[in-house]
Amino acid sequence: MRRQMFVTGAAMILLAGCQAEPGFDEKFEQRSRELSQQAKTIEADANAQLAAAREAEQANAELNPPVGGQGR
C-alpha cells in the first residue's frame, strides 16, 4: 500500500513538472517576441546612424561647396 502511494505521489509530481514546462508554441511565441524587439532596436539604431550621416554630409556640403558650381 505504501509503495502504491509513493508511486502515485511520484507520478503526480512528475506530471506537475511536465505541465510547468512551456510547450513548443509558447517557446516559439516568446522567442519571436524577443527577436522582434531586437529587430526594432537594430532598426532604430540604424535609422539614427543614417540620420546622423545625412546631417554630417549636409553640414559638410554647406561648409565645402563644390568648386565651379557643379554638383556631384
PDB file of N, CA and C in Angstrom:
ATOM      1  N   MET A   1       0.821  -1.188   0.000  1.00  0.00           N
ATOM      2  CA  MET A   1       0.000   0.000   0.000  1.00  0.00           C
ATOM      3  C   MET A   1       0.874   1.265   0.000  1.00  0.00           C
ATOM      4  N   ARG A   2       1.929   1.247   0.795  1.00  0.00           N
ATOM      5  CA  ARG A   2       2.812   2.408   0.844  1.00  0.00           C
ATOM      6  C   ARG A   2       3.504   2.619  -0.493  1.00  0.00           C
ATOM      7  N   ARG A   3       3.883   1.530  -1.112  1.00  0.00           N
ATOM      8  CA  ARG A   3       4.569   1.630  -2.394  1.00  0.00           C
ATOM      9  C   ARG A   3       3.643   2.249  -3.437  1.00  0.00           C
ATOM     10  N   GLN A   4       2.387   1.846  -3.453  1.00  0.00           N
ATOM     11  CA  GLN A   4       1.430   2.382  -4.407  1.00  0.00           C
ATOM     12  C   GLN A   4       1.225   3.883  -4.164  1.00  0.00           C
ATOM     13  N   MET A   5       1.173   4.294  -2.910  1.00  0.00           N
ATOM     14  CA  MET A   5       1.019   5.721  -2.590  1.00  0.00           C
ATOM     15  C   MET A   5       2.257   6.493  -3.036  1.00  0.00           C
ATOM     16  N   PHE A   6       3.436   5.890  -2.850  1.00  0.00           N
ATOM     17  CA  PHE A   6       4.673   6.544  -3.264  1.00  0.00           C
ATOM     18  C   PHE A   6       4.710   6.706  -4.774  1.00  0.00           C
ATOM     19  N   VAL A   7       4.362   5.642  -5.486  1.00  0.00           N
ATOM     20  CA  VAL A   7       4.358   5.685  -6.950  1.00  0.00           C
ATOM     21  C   VAL A   7       3.345   6.715  -7.447  1.00  0.00           C
ATOM     22  N   THR A   8       2.173   6.730  -6.843  1.00  0.00           N
ATOM     23  CA  THR A   8       1.144   7.694  -7.234  1.00  0.00           C
ATOM     24  C   THR A   8       1.622   9.125  -6.967  1.00  0.00           C
ATOM     25  N   GLY A   9       2.221   9.336  -5.807  1.00  0.00           N
ATOM     26  CA  GLY A   9       2.743  10.665  -5.466  1.00  0.00           C
ATOM     27  C   GLY A   9       3.853  11.091  -6.410  1.00  0.00           C
ATOM     28  N   ALA A  10       4.750  10.174  -6.714  1.00  0.00           N
ATOM     29  CA  ALA A  10       5.851  10.489  -7.636  1.00  0.00           C
ATOM     30  C   ALA A  10       5.308  10.810  -9.023  1.00  0.00           C
ATOM     31  N   ALA A  11       4.316  10.049  -9.462  1.00  0.00           N
ATOM     32  CA  ALA A  11       3.722  10.301 -10.775  1.00  0.00           C
ATOM     33  C   ALA A  11       3.061  11.679 -10.811  1.00  0.00           C
ATOM     34  N   MET A  12       2.393  12.060  -9.728  1.00  0.00           N
ATOM     35  CA  MET A  12       1.745  13.371  -9.683  1.00  0.00           C
ATOM     36  C   MET A  12       2.775  14.496  -9.733  1.00  0.00           C
ATOM     37  N   ILE A  13       3.889  14.298  -9.034  1.00  0.00           N
ATOM     38  CA  ILE A  13       4.950  15.311  -9.042  1.00  0.00           C
ATOM     39  C   ILE A  13       5.539  15.436 -10.443  1.00  0.00           C
ATOM     40  N   LEU A  14       5.810  14.307 -11.087  1.00  0.00           N
ATOM     41  CA  LEU A  14       6.361  14.346 -12.436  1.00  0.00           C
ATOM     42  C   LEU A  14       5.383  14.985 -13.422  1.00  0.00           C
ATOM     43  N   LEU A  15       4.130  14.673 -13.278  1.00  0.00           N
ATOM     44  CA  LEU A  15       3.113  15.244 -14.155  1.00  0.00           C
ATOM     45  C   LEU A  15       3.022  16.759 -13.956  1.00  0.00           C
ATOM     46  N   ALA A  16       3.081  17.191 -12.716  1.00  0.00           N
ATOM     47  CA  ALA A  16       3.039  18.625 -12.434  1.00  0.00           C
ATOM     48  C   ALA A  16       4.263  19.308 -13.031  1.00  0.00           C
ATOM     49  N   GLY A  17       5.408  18.656 -12.956  1.00  0.00           N
ATOM     50  CA  GLY A  17       6.625  19.216 -13.541  1.00  0.00           C
ATOM     51  C   GLY A  17       6.528  19.326 -15.044  1.00  0.00           C
ATOM     52  N   CYS A  18       5.922  18.361 -15.691  1.00  0.00           N
ATOM     53  CA  CYS A  18       5.765  18.394 -17.143  1.00  0.00           C
ATOM     54  C   CYS A  18       4.827  19.514 -17.567  1.00  0.00           C
ATOM     55  N   GLN A  19       3.813  19.758 -16.812  1.00  0.00           N
ATOM     56  CA  GLN A  19       2.858  20.801 -17.167  1.00  0.00           C
ATOM     57  C   GLN A  19       3.462  22.193 -16.990  1.00  0.00           C
ATOM     58  N   ALA A  20       4.447  22.314 -16.108  1.00  0.00           N
ATOM     59  CA  ALA A  20       5.060  23.615 -15.875  1.00  0.00           C
ATOM     60  C   ALA A  20       5.972  24.000 -17.031  1.00  0.00           C
ATOM     61  N   GLU A  21       6.480  23.034 -17.772  1.00  0.00           N
ATOM     62  CA  GLU A  21       7.363  23.305 -18.904  1.00  0.00           C
ATOM     63  C   GLU A  21       6.556  23.901 -20.045  1.00  0.00           C
ATOM     64  N   PRO A  22       6.983  25.063 -20.566  1.00  0.00           N
ATOM     65  CA  PRO A  22       6.235  25.659 -21.673  1.00  0.00           C
ATOM     66  C   PRO A  22       6.319  24.779 -22.922  1.00  0.00           C
ATOM     67  N   GLY A  23       5.262  24.762 -23.693  1.00  0.00           N
ATOM     68  CA  GLY A  23       5.208  23.976 -24.907  1.00  0.00           C
ATOM     69  C   GLY A  23       5.943  24.662 -26.045  1.00  0.00           C
ATOM     70  N   PHE A  24       6.009  23.969 -27.159  1.00  0.00           N
ATOM     71  CA  PHE A  24       6.702  24.498 -28.331  1.00  0.00           C
ATOM     72  C   PHE A  24       6.119  25.838 -28.760  1.00  0.00           C
ATOM     73  N   ASP A  25       4.797  25.905 -28.845  1.00  0.00           N
ATOM     74  CA  ASP A  25       4.158  27.141 -29.294  1.00  0.00           C
ATOM     75  C   ASP A  25       4.466  28.311 -28.375  1.00  0.00           C
ATOM     76  N   GLU A  26       4.457  28.056 -27.068  1.00  0.00           N
ATOM     77  CA  GLU A  26       4.773  29.128 -26.111  1.00  0.00           C
ATOM     78  C   GLU A  26       6.228  29.570 -26.256  1.00  0.00           C
ATOM     79  N   LYS A  27       7.136  28.600 -26.402  1.00  0.00           N
ATOM     80  CA  LYS A  27       8.552  28.938 -26.588  1.00  0.00           C
ATOM     81  C   LYS A  27       8.754  29.709 -27.883  1.00  0.00           C
ATOM     82  N   PHE A  28       8.059  29.271 -28.948  1.00  0.00           N
ATOM     83  CA  PHE A  28       8.168  29.932 -30.243  1.00  0.00           C
ATOM     84  C   PHE A  28       7.687  31.374 -30.157  1.00  0.00           C
ATOM     85  N   GLU A  29       6.547  31.584 -29.527  1.00  0.00           N
ATOM     86  CA  GLU A  29       5.995  32.936 -29.390  1.00  0.00           C
ATOM     87  C   GLU A  29       6.922  33.833 -28.579  1.00  0.00           C
ATOM     88  N   GLN A  30       7.462  33.299 -27.494  1.00  0.00           N
ATOM     89  CA  GLN A  30       8.379  34.077 -26.651  1.00  0.00           C
ATOM     90  C   GLN A  30       9.620  34.476 -27.444  1.00  0.00           C
ATOM     91  N   ARG A  31      10.206  33.514 -28.141  1.00  0.00           N
ATOM     92  CA  ARG A  31      11.417  33.797 -28.918  1.00  0.00           C
ATOM     93  C   ARG A  31      11.104  34.765 -30.051  1.00  0.00           C
ATOM     94  N   SER A  32       9.934  34.618 -30.655  1.00  0.00           N
ATOM     95  CA  SER A  32       9.519  35.517 -31.718  1.00  0.00           C
ATOM     96  C   SER A  32       9.403  36.950 -31.209  1.00  0.00           C
ATOM     97  N   ARG A  33       8.824  37.110 -30.027  1.00  0.00           N
ATOM     98  CA  ARG A  33       8.716  38.457 -29.432  1.00  0.00           C
ATOM     99  C   ARG A  33      10.104  39.024 -29.137  1.00  0.00           C
ATOM    100  N   GLU A  34      11.007  38.187 -28.615  1.00  0.00           N
ATOM    101  CA  GLU A  34      12.366  38.660 -28.314  1.00  0.00           C
ATOM    102  C   GLU A  34      13.072  39.109 -29.588  1.00  0.00           C
ATOM    103  N   LEU A  35      12.969  38.298 -30.645  1.00  0.00           N
ATOM    104  CA  LEU A  35      13.639  38.643 -31.898  1.00  0.00           C
ATOM    105  C   LEU A  35      13.023  39.881 -32.541  1.00  0.00           C
ATOM    106  N   SER A  36      11.728  40.042 -32.434  1.00  0.00           N
ATOM    107  CA  SER A  36      11.074  41.239 -32.977  1.00  0.00           C
ATOM    108  C   SER A  36      11.555  42.483 -32.249  1.00  0.00           C
ATOM    109  N   GLN A  37      11.696  42.386 -30.946  1.00  0.00           N
ATOM    110  CA  GLN A  37      12.190  43.525 -30.171  1.00  0.00           C
ATOM    111  C   GLN A  37      13.634  43.849 -30.546  1.00  0.00           C
ATOM    112  N   GLN A  38      14.459  42.819 -30.722  1.00  0.00           N
ATOM    113  CA  GLN A  38      15.841  43.042 -31.140  1.00  0.00           C
ATOM    114  C   GLN A  38      15.892  43.691 -32.515  1.00  0.00           C
ATOM    115  N   ALA A  39      15.035  43.240 -33.418  1.00  0.00           N
ATOM    116  CA  ALA A  39      14.994  43.816 -34.767  1.00  0.00           C
ATOM    117  C   ALA A  39      14.593  45.286 -34.719  1.00  0.00           C
ATOM    118  N   LYS A  40      13.630  45.620 -33.889  1.00  0.00           N
ATOM    119  CA  LYS A  40      13.203  47.017 -33.749  1.00  0.00           C
ATOM    120  C   LYS A  40      14.338  47.870 -33.208  1.00  0.00           C
ATOM    121  N   THR A  41      15.079  47.339 -32.244  1.00  0.00           N
ATOM    122  CA  THR A  41      16.211  48.068 -31.677  1.00  0.00           C
ATOM    123  C   THR A  41      17.287  48.297 -32.727  1.00  0.00           C
ATOM    124  N   ILE A  42      17.596  47.257 -33.495  1.00  0.00           N
ATOM    125  CA  ILE A  42      18.606  47.374 -34.550  1.00  0.00           C
ATOM    126  C   ILE A  42      18.162  48.385 -35.600  1.00  0.00           C
ATOM    127  N   GLU A  43      16.891  48.327 -35.986  1.00  0.00           N
ATOM    128  CA  GLU A  43      16.371  49.261 -36.982  1.00  0.00           C
ATOM    129  C   GLU A  43      16.430  50.701 -36.478  1.00  0.00           C
ATOM    130  N   ALA A  44      16.079  50.911 -35.219  1.00  0.00           N
ATOM    131  CA  ALA A  44      16.128  52.263 -34.648  1.00  0.00           C
ATOM    132  C   ALA A  44      17.570  52.780 -34.615  1.00  0.00           C
ATOM    133  N   ASP A  45      18.517  51.914 -34.231  1.00  0.00           N
ATOM    134  CA  ASP A  45      19.928  52.317 -34.219  1.00  0.00           C
ATOM    135  C   ASP A  45      20.416  52.656 -35.629  1.00  0.00           C
ATOM    136  N   ALA A  46      20.039  51.822 -36.594  1.00  0.00           N
ATOM    137  CA  ALA A  46      20.457  52.062 -37.976  1.00  0.00           C
ATOM    138  C   ALA A  46      19.867  53.372 -38.499  1.00  0.00           C
ATOM    139  N   ASN A  47      18.609  53.628 -38.200  1.00  0.00           N
ATOM    140  CA  ASN A  47      17.979  54.882 -38.640  1.00  0.00           C
ATOM    141  C   ASN A  47      18.638  56.094 -38.000  1.00  0.00           C
ATOM    142  N   ALA A  48      19.006  55.973 -36.730  1.00  0.00           N
ATOM    143  CA  ALA A  48      19.683  57.077 -36.050  1.00  0.00           C
ATOM    144  C   ALA A  48      21.054  57.338 -36.682  1.00  0.00           C
ATOM    145  N   GLN A  49      21.783  56.274 -37.005  1.00  0.00           N
ATOM    146  CA  GLN A  49      23.092  56.435 -37.644  1.00  0.00           C
ATOM    147  C   GLN A  49      22.951  57.023 -39.037  1.00  0.00           C
ATOM    148  N   LEU A  50      21.936  56.588 -39.769  1.00  0.00           N
ATOM    149  CA  LEU A  50      21.702  57.114 -41.109  1.00  0.00           C
ATOM    150  C   LEU A  50      21.349  58.601 -41.052  1.00  0.00           C
ATOM    151  N   ALA A  51      20.516  58.975 -40.110  1.00  0.00           N
ATOM    152  CA  ALA A  51      20.148  60.384 -39.958  1.00  0.00           C
ATOM    153  C   ALA A  51      21.374  61.224 -39.594  1.00  0.00           C
ATOM    154  N   ALA A  52      22.219  60.705 -38.728  1.00  0.00           N
ATOM    155  CA  ALA A  52      23.438  61.430 -38.344  1.00  0.00           C
ATOM    156  C   ALA A  52      24.386  61.562 -39.532  1.00  0.00           C
ATOM    157  N   ALA A  53      24.485  60.507 -40.327  1.00  0.00           N
ATOM    158  CA  ALA A  53      25.365  60.558 -41.502  1.00  0.00           C
ATOM    159  C   ALA A  53      24.837  61.574 -42.518  1.00  0.00           C
ATOM    160  N   ARG A  54      23.526  61.593 -42.718  1.00  0.00           N
ATOM    161  CA  ARG A  54      22.937  62.564 -43.655  1.00  0.00           C
ATOM    162  C   ARG A  54      23.161  63.995 -43.166  1.00  0.00           C
ATOM    163  N   GLU A  55      23.000  64.194 -41.861  1.00  0.00           N
ATOM    164  CA  GLU A  55      23.214  65.528 -41.293  1.00  0.00           C
ATOM    165  C   GLU A  55      24.668  65.951 -41.449  1.00  0.00           C
ATOM    166  N   ALA A  56      25.591  65.038 -41.215  1.00  0.00           N
ATOM    167  CA  ALA A  56      27.017  65.350 -41.357  1.00  0.00           C
ATOM    168  C   ALA A  56      27.354  65.647 -42.817  1.00  0.00           C
ATOM    169  N   GLU A  57      26.765  64.884 -43.727  1.00  0.00           N
ATOM    170  CA  GLU A  57      27.007  65.126 -45.154  1.00  0.00           C
ATOM    171  C   GLU A  57      26.470  66.480 -45.580  1.00  0.00           C
ATOM    172  N   GLN A  58      25.300  66.841 -45.070  1.00  0.00           N
ATOM    173  CA  GLN A  58      24.715  68.139 -45.402  1.00  0.00           C
ATOM    174  C   GLN A  58      25.579  69.268 -44.831  1.00  0.00           C
ATOM    175  N   ALA A  59      26.038  69.114 -43.604  1.00  0.00           N
ATOM    176  CA  ALA A  59      26.889  70.140 -42.997  1.00  0.00           C
ATOM    177  C   ALA A  59      28.195  70.274 -43.770  1.00  0.00           C
ATOM    178  N   ASN A  60      28.753  69.151 -44.200  1.00  0.00           N
ATOM    179  CA  ASN A  60      29.991  69.178 -44.972  1.00  0.00           C
ATOM    180  C   ASN A  60      29.773  69.867 -46.310  1.00  0.00           C
ATOM    181  N   ALA A  61      28.641  69.617 -46.938  1.00  0.00           N
ATOM    182  CA  ALA A  61      28.339  70.254 -48.224  1.00  0.00           C
ATOM    183  C   ALA A  61      28.171  71.763 -48.055  1.00  0.00           C
ATOM    184  N   GLU A  62      27.607  72.180 -46.942  1.00  0.00           N
ATOM    185  CA  GLU A  62      27.440  73.620 -46.701  1.00  0.00           C
ATOM    186  C   GLU A  62      28.770  74.298 -46.423  1.00  0.00           C
ATOM    187  N   LEU A  63      29.662  73.593 -45.724  1.00  0.00           N
ATOM    188  CA  LEU A  63      30.973  74.172 -45.407  1.00  0.00           C
ATOM    189  C   LEU A  63      31.929  74.129 -46.586  1.00  0.00           C
ATOM    190  N   ASN A  64      31.755  73.147 -47.459  1.00  0.00           N
ATOM    191  CA  ASN A  64      32.659  72.960 -48.598  1.00  0.00           C
ATOM    192  C   ASN A  64      31.852  72.849 -49.888  1.00  0.00           C
ATOM    193  N   PRO A  65      31.344  73.979 -50.380  1.00  0.00           N
ATOM    194  CA  PRO A  65      30.535  73.903 -51.616  1.00  0.00           C
ATOM    195  C   PRO A  65      31.402  73.449 -52.794  1.00  0.00           C
ATOM    196  N   PRO A  66      30.783  72.815 -53.779  1.00  0.00           N
ATOM    197  CA  PRO A  66      31.532  72.356 -54.947  1.00  0.00           C
ATOM    198  C   PRO A  66      32.167  73.524 -55.690  1.00  0.00           C
ATOM    199  N   VAL A  67      33.339  73.296 -56.216  1.00  0.00           N
ATOM    200  CA  VAL A  67      34.055  74.331 -56.952  1.00  0.00           C
ATOM    201  C   VAL A  67      33.429  74.459 -58.344  1.00  0.00           C
ATOM    202  N   GLY A  68      33.198  75.670 -58.786  1.00  0.00           N
ATOM    203  CA  GLY A  68      32.654  75.908 -60.119  1.00  0.00           C
ATOM    204  C   GLY A  68      31.144  75.756 -60.189  1.00  0.00           C
ATOM    205  N   GLY A  69      30.474  75.558 -59.060  1.00  0.00           N
ATOM    206  CA  GLY A  69      29.029  75.484 -59.049  1.00  0.00           C
ATOM    207  C   GLY A  69      28.464  74.166 -59.552  1.00  0.00           C
ATOM    208  N   GLN A  70      29.304  73.181 -59.768  1.00  0.00           N
ATOM    209  CA  GLN A  70      28.825  71.893 -60.239  1.00  0.00           C
ATOM    210  C   GLN A  70      28.551  70.961 -59.054  1.00  0.00           C
ATOM    211  N   GLY A  71      27.494  70.224 -59.180  1.00  0.00           N
ATOM    212  CA  GLY A  71      27.174  69.243 -58.139  1.00  0.00           C
ATOM    213  C   GLY A  71      27.924  67.949 -58.362  1.00  0.00           C
ATOM    214  N   ARG A  72      27.582  66.989 -57.575  1.00  0.00           N
ATOM    215  CA  ARG A  72      28.276  65.697 -57.685  1.00  0.00           C
ATOM    216  C   ARG A  72      27.762  64.884 -58.819  1.00  0.00           C
TER     217      ARG A  72
END
